Amino acid sequence: MPPGVVSGDDRAVKPTRRRSLLAASLLKLPPQNCIYIGDDLRDAQACPRAGMHFVAAGWGYHGEGGDPKRLDADAVVRPPREVIDLFS
């Protein structure tokens, strides 16, 4: 992996917060200033444990969580380009 990239192979398995906190530290941002975009229940569980905002992806795995609207997210985005609208 290139430096600064956090993937599924890094640190402990979700829903622990360690991987999220690693990403925030690499970005040199406090977790509360980060947005975590995920597509599974484990993402929805890991994100608040790290103190981040959670956005549910309307694409992707949706394994345990099923419908992304049921993941108690701050927002749900369908196509990836909708992420940009969150910053407007």
Protein backbone atom coordinates (compact mmCIF):
# COMPACT_ATOMS: atom_id res chain seq x y z
CA MET A 1 0.00 0.00 0.00
CA PRO A 2 1.19 3.52 -0.73
CA PRO A 3 1.85 5.75 2.29
CA GLY A 4 -1.29 7.46 3.55
CA VAL A 5 -3.67 4.75 2.30
CA VAL A 6 -5.71 2.83 4.86
CA SER A 7 -7.34 -0.37 3.66
CA GLY A 8 -9.10 -3.44 4.95
CA ASP A 9 -5.74 -5.04 5.68
CA ASP A 10 -4.67 -2.33 8.13
CA ARG A 11 -5.01 -2.68 11.89
CA ALA A 12 -7.85 -4.50 13.57
CA VAL A 13 -11.03 -5.63 11.88
CA LYS A 14 -14.13 -3.42 12.03
CA PRO A 15 -16.11 -2.43 14.04
CA THR A 16 -13.08 -1.38 16.07
CA ARG A 17 -12.21 2.30 15.77
CA ARG A 18 -8.46 1.82 15.30
CA ARG A 19 -8.44 1.87 11.50
CA SER A 20 -10.54 5.04 11.43
CA LEU A 21 -8.26 6.74 13.92
CA LEU A 22 -5.23 5.68 11.86
CA ALA A 23 -6.76 7.35 8.79
CA ALA A 24 -7.45 10.55 10.75
CA SER A 25 -3.90 10.64 12.09
CA LEU A 26 -2.44 10.16 8.59
CA LEU A 27 -4.56 13.08 7.42
CA LYS A 28 -3.49 15.07 10.49
CA LEU A 29 -7.13 15.79 11.30
CA PRO A 30 -9.13 15.31 14.47
CA PRO A 31 -11.67 12.48 13.97
CA GLN A 32 -14.63 14.85 14.43
CA ASN A 33 -13.48 16.68 11.27
CA CYS A 34 -13.57 13.47 9.20
CA ILE A 35 -16.33 11.88 7.16
CA TYR A 36 -16.36 8.10 6.97
CA ILE A 37 -18.16 6.67 3.94
CA GLY A 38 -19.18 3.05 4.30
CA ASP A 39 -21.52 0.43 2.90
CA ASP A 40 -22.02 -1.99 5.78
CA LEU A 41 -23.31 -2.23 9.34
CA ARG A 42 -19.72 -2.66 10.61
CA ASP A 43 -18.85 0.72 9.08
CA ALA A 44 -21.83 2.31 10.80
CA GLN A 45 -20.65 0.82 14.11
CA ALA A 46 -16.96 1.70 13.73
CA CYS A 47 -17.49 5.30 12.70
CA PRO A 48 -19.17 6.68 15.86
CA ARG A 49 -16.67 4.80 18.01
CA ALA A 50 -13.99 6.88 16.33
CA GLY A 51 -15.97 10.12 16.69
CA MET A 52 -16.44 10.61 12.93
CA HIS A 53 -19.41 11.58 10.82
CA PHE A 54 -20.88 8.59 8.98
CA VAL A 55 -22.21 8.67 5.42
CA ALA A 56 -23.84 5.52 4.08
CA ALA A 57 -22.96 4.59 0.51
CA GLY A 58 -25.88 3.62 -1.68
CA TRP A 59 -23.53 1.38 -3.66
CA GLY A 60 -21.24 -1.44 -2.60
CA TYR A 61 -21.44 -4.48 -0.37
CA HIS A 62 -24.40 -3.80 1.98
CA GLY A 63 -23.80 -7.17 3.58
CA GLU A 64 -25.04 -7.16 7.15
CA GLY A 65 -26.66 -3.76 6.98
CA GLY A 66 -28.91 -4.31 3.99
CA ASP A 67 -30.63 -1.05 3.08
CA PRO A 68 -28.19 1.87 3.61
CA LYS A 69 -31.10 4.01 4.86
CA ARG A 70 -31.25 1.75 7.92
CA LEU A 71 -27.64 2.37 8.99
CA ASP A 72 -28.36 5.45 11.16
CA ALA A 73 -26.10 7.60 8.98
CA ASP A 74 -25.69 11.37 8.95
CA ALA A 75 -26.47 11.15 5.21
CA VAL A 76 -26.98 8.58 2.47
CA VAL A 77 -25.42 9.11 -0.95
CA ARG A 78 -26.45 7.06 -3.96
CA PRO A 79 -23.98 7.72 -6.75
CA PRO A 80 -20.48 8.53 -5.48
CA ARG A 81 -20.59 12.04 -6.99
CA GLU A 82 -23.21 13.00 -4.35
CA VAL A 83 -20.40 13.04 -1.79
CA ILE A 84 -19.30 16.36 -3.29
CA ASP A 85 -22.74 17.83 -2.48
CA LEU A 86 -22.09 17.21 1.22
CA PHE A 87 -19.43 19.91 1.13
CA SER A 88 -21.63 22.53 -0.56
